[in-house]
Protein backbone atom coordinates (compact mmCIF):
# COMPACT_ATOMS: atom_id res chain seq x y z
CA MET A 1 -115.89 6.53 31.34
CA ASN A 2 -117.91 3.36 30.91
CA ASN A 3 -121.43 3.77 32.31
CA LYS A 4 -122.72 0.46 30.99
CA GLN A 5 -124.45 -1.82 33.44
CA LYS A 6 -122.75 -5.21 33.79
CA ILE A 7 -124.81 -8.31 33.10
CA PHE A 8 -123.51 -11.75 33.99
CA LEU A 9 -125.07 -14.74 32.22
CA ALA A 10 -124.47 -17.91 34.24
CA ILE A 11 -125.93 -20.37 31.77
CA ASP A 12 -124.56 -23.58 30.34
CA ASN A 13 -126.88 -23.65 27.33
CA GLU A 14 -125.06 -22.13 24.34
CA LYS A 15 -128.26 -21.60 22.32
CA LEU A 16 -129.92 -19.69 25.16
CA ILE A 17 -126.80 -17.59 25.72
CA ASN A 18 -126.76 -16.60 22.04
CA GLU A 19 -130.48 -15.73 22.12
CA LEU A 20 -130.03 -13.52 25.18
CA ILE A 21 -126.95 -11.82 23.74
CA ALA A 22 -128.97 -11.00 20.59
CA LEU A 23 -131.71 -9.41 22.71
CA ILE A 24 -129.53 -7.31 25.01
CA ASP A 25 -128.53 -3.80 23.90
CA LYS A 26 -124.71 -3.85 23.87
CA ASN A 27 -124.59 -0.04 23.89
CA LYS A 28 -126.32 -0.01 27.27
CA TYR A 29 -124.97 -3.20 28.87
CA SER A 30 -121.66 -5.03 29.03
CA LEU A 31 -122.03 -8.80 28.98
CA ALA A 32 -120.03 -11.67 30.40
CA SER A 33 -121.10 -15.30 30.25
CA TYR A 34 -119.99 -18.14 32.48
CA ASN A 35 -120.59 -21.87 32.01
CA SER A 36 -120.09 -22.80 35.65
CA GLU A 37 -120.73 -21.49 39.12
CA ILE A 38 -116.98 -21.50 39.81
CA GLU A 39 -116.28 -19.13 36.91
CA CYS A 40 -119.14 -16.90 37.99
CA ILE A 41 -118.03 -16.77 41.64
CA GLU A 42 -114.43 -16.05 40.62
CA ASN A 43 -115.66 -12.97 38.73
CA LEU A 44 -118.07 -11.55 41.30
CA HIS A 45 -115.39 -9.03 42.28
CA LYS A 46 -116.42 -7.24 39.05
CA ASN A 47 -119.68 -6.45 40.88
CA PRO A 48 -122.29 -7.20 38.20
CA ASP A 49 -125.47 -5.14 38.23
CA ILE A 50 -127.58 -8.03 36.98
CA LEU A 51 -127.16 -11.81 37.07
CA LEU A 52 -129.24 -14.11 34.88
CA ILE A 53 -128.68 -17.65 36.17
CA ASP A 54 -130.04 -21.08 35.35
CA TYR A 55 -131.08 -23.02 38.45
CA HIS A 56 -129.77 -26.21 36.83
CA LEU A 57 -126.38 -24.72 35.99
CA ASN A 58 -123.90 -27.45 34.90
CA ASN A 59 -126.13 -30.47 35.39
CA ASN A 60 -129.59 -31.68 36.33
CA THR A 61 -128.63 -33.97 39.20
CA ASP A 62 -129.77 -33.18 42.72
CA VAL A 63 -126.26 -32.40 43.89
CA LYS A 64 -125.23 -30.16 41.02
CA GLU A 65 -128.48 -28.24 40.67
CA LYS A 66 -127.65 -26.52 43.93
CA LYS A 67 -124.48 -25.01 42.44
CA SER A 68 -126.43 -22.04 41.15
CA VAL A 69 -127.63 -21.44 44.70
CA SER A 70 -123.98 -21.21 45.83
CA VAL A 71 -123.51 -18.25 43.48
CA ILE A 72 -126.46 -16.46 45.07
CA GLU A 73 -125.21 -17.23 48.55
CA LYS A 74 -121.80 -15.75 47.64
CA ILE A 75 -123.52 -12.58 46.37
CA LYS A 76 -125.39 -12.28 49.67
CA GLU A 77 -122.24 -13.08 51.69
CA ASN A 78 -120.32 -10.29 49.91
CA LYS A 79 -123.27 -7.89 50.27
CA LEU A 80 -123.35 -7.14 46.56
CA SER A 81 -126.30 -5.19 45.19
CA THR A 82 -126.60 -7.49 42.16
CA LYS A 83 -130.16 -8.06 40.95
CA VAL A 84 -130.59 -11.79 40.44
CA PHE A 85 -132.98 -13.39 37.98
CA MET A 86 -133.04 -17.15 38.19
CA PHE A 87 -134.93 -19.38 35.83
CA SER A 88 -135.51 -23.06 35.22
CA GLU A 89 -137.14 -25.15 32.55
CA LYS A 90 -137.56 -28.05 34.98
CA GLY A 91 -139.35 -26.65 37.96
CA SER A 92 -141.18 -28.25 40.83
CA ALA A 93 -142.83 -27.06 44.02
CA LYS A 94 -139.65 -28.08 45.90
CA THR A 95 -137.54 -25.97 43.53
CA TYR A 96 -139.76 -22.91 43.95
CA ILE A 97 -139.74 -23.21 47.74
CA ASN A 98 -135.95 -23.54 47.74
CA ILE A 99 -135.62 -20.44 45.57
CA ILE A 100 -138.03 -18.36 47.64
CA SER A 101 -136.38 -19.45 50.89
CA LYS A 102 -133.06 -18.08 49.59
CA ILE A 103 -134.76 -14.68 49.02
CA PHE A 104 -134.14 -14.43 45.32
CA TYR A 105 -135.31 -11.39 43.44
CA SER A 106 -137.10 -13.24 40.68
CA PHE A 107 -137.74 -16.80 39.54
CA ALA A 108 -139.18 -17.68 36.17
CA TYR A 109 -140.28 -21.05 34.92
CA ARG A 110 -138.98 -21.35 31.35
CA LEU A 111 -141.23 -23.18 28.92
């Protein structure tokens, strides 16, 4: 029986993905990475325990930066117990307010 917790990485930065994979204990966690919100949403049926997601997933334009929010909304809609940790290297007060208003578990500004 596999008792590993499932971690989804929804990040489109290959370097960051590799750094996170190197830090995560593969004996304790199973990992899956997705480069887009569509891939991530299509795999939510696997019920991840943890989701690490970049707020600016796919692109930095105003329209596309909200795609990461659609993943969170789908988690809430499906009543999953996934713990969500969202981060951004390009934050603003507007971004933080948007994140908090969606009731995210954690938001970190990446330097």
